Protein backbone atom coordinates (compact mmCIF):
# COMPACT_ATOMS: atom_id res chain seq x y z
CA UNK A 1 -56.73 18.60 -37.01
CA UNK A 2 -59.27 16.78 -39.09
CA UNK A 3 -56.05 15.90 -41.99
CA UNK A 4 -54.50 14.60 -38.30
CA UNK A 5 -57.08 12.69 -36.92
CA UNK A 6 -58.11 11.74 -40.55
CA UNK A 7 -54.43 9.29 -41.42
CA UNK A 8 -54.30 8.22 -37.75
CA UNK A 9 -57.95 6.84 -37.92
CA UNK A 10 -56.95 5.88 -41.45
CA UNK A 11 -54.04 3.50 -39.91
CA UNK A 12 -56.22 2.27 -37.34
CA UNK A 13 -59.48 1.76 -38.85
CA UNK A 14 -59.10 1.16 -42.37
CA UNK A 15 -59.98 3.63 -45.76
CA UNK A 16 -63.18 2.25 -45.64
CA UNK A 17 -64.34 2.60 -42.08
CA UNK A 18 -67.82 4.40 -41.28
CA UNK A 19 -65.84 6.60 -38.28
CA UNK A 20 -62.93 7.93 -41.49
CA UNK A 21 -66.89 8.73 -43.25
CA UNK A 22 -67.91 10.73 -41.13
CA UNK A 23 -64.58 12.14 -40.63
CA UNK A 24 -64.26 12.73 -43.88
CA UNK A 25 -67.94 14.52 -44.06
CA UNK A 26 -66.77 16.99 -41.20
CA UNK A 27 -63.51 17.65 -43.06
CA UNK A 28 -66.19 18.69 -46.10
CA UNK A 29 -68.48 21.32 -44.00
CA UNK A 30 -64.93 23.18 -42.57
CA UNK A 31 -63.95 23.26 -46.36
CA UNK A 32 -67.28 24.51 -47.26
CA UNK A 33 -67.10 26.90 -44.34
CA UNK A 34 -64.02 28.12 -46.05
CA UNK A 35 -65.38 28.17 -49.14
CA UNK A 36 -63.18 25.55 -51.13
CA UNK A 37 -66.28 23.90 -52.20
CA UNK A 38 -64.58 21.78 -54.91
CA UNK A 39 -62.42 20.15 -51.98
CA UNK A 40 -66.07 20.04 -49.64
CA UNK A 41 -67.40 17.62 -52.80
CA UNK A 42 -64.46 16.24 -53.06
CA UNK A 43 -64.85 15.09 -49.26
CA UNK A 44 -69.13 14.13 -49.72
CA UNK A 45 -68.60 12.24 -52.75
CA UNK A 46 -65.56 9.74 -50.41
CA UNK A 47 -67.78 9.86 -47.90
CA UNK A 48 -70.94 9.37 -49.75
CA UNK A 49 -68.80 6.11 -50.74
CA UNK A 50 -67.16 4.79 -47.62
CA UNK A 51 -71.40 5.15 -46.26
CA UNK A 52 -73.00 3.08 -48.85
CA UNK A 53 -71.37 0.78 -49.16
CA UNK A 54 -71.09 0.42 -45.48
CA UNK A 55 -75.36 1.05 -44.50
CA UNK A 56 -78.84 0.73 -46.04
CA UNK A 57 -79.69 3.08 -48.77
CA UNK A 58 -82.04 4.47 -46.67
CA UNK A 59 -80.03 5.24 -44.13
CA UNK A 60 -80.45 8.62 -41.90
CA UNK A 61 -76.37 8.87 -43.00
CA UNK A 62 -76.03 8.69 -45.86
CA UNK A 63 -79.02 11.01 -47.18
CA UNK A 64 -77.22 13.75 -44.92
CA UNK A 65 -74.65 13.07 -47.16
CA UNK A 66 -76.71 13.76 -49.94
CA UNK A 67 -78.27 16.38 -48.45
CA UNK A 68 -74.39 17.70 -48.44
CA UNK A 69 -74.25 17.33 -51.53
CA UNK A 70 -77.01 19.04 -52.49
CA UNK A 71 -76.25 22.55 -50.45
CA UNK A 72 -72.62 23.12 -52.66
CA UNK A 73 -75.41 23.23 -55.91
CA UNK A 74 -77.75 27.02 -54.40
């Protein structure tokens, strides 16, 4: 479902819209829960890149996504 929603959001909002970043981050969490850590890392990194362009560096969303990435190392 996330893949379908992501395609719709990208089409209507553009690939770098913060709402797209939210879906990408959430998809990363699903992949992590499924044990696909490489896929999760890819999604988290993409989400981080989107939000780093849209938000100030100290924004809580950026810190959350960095925490998601760090959780993959455990």
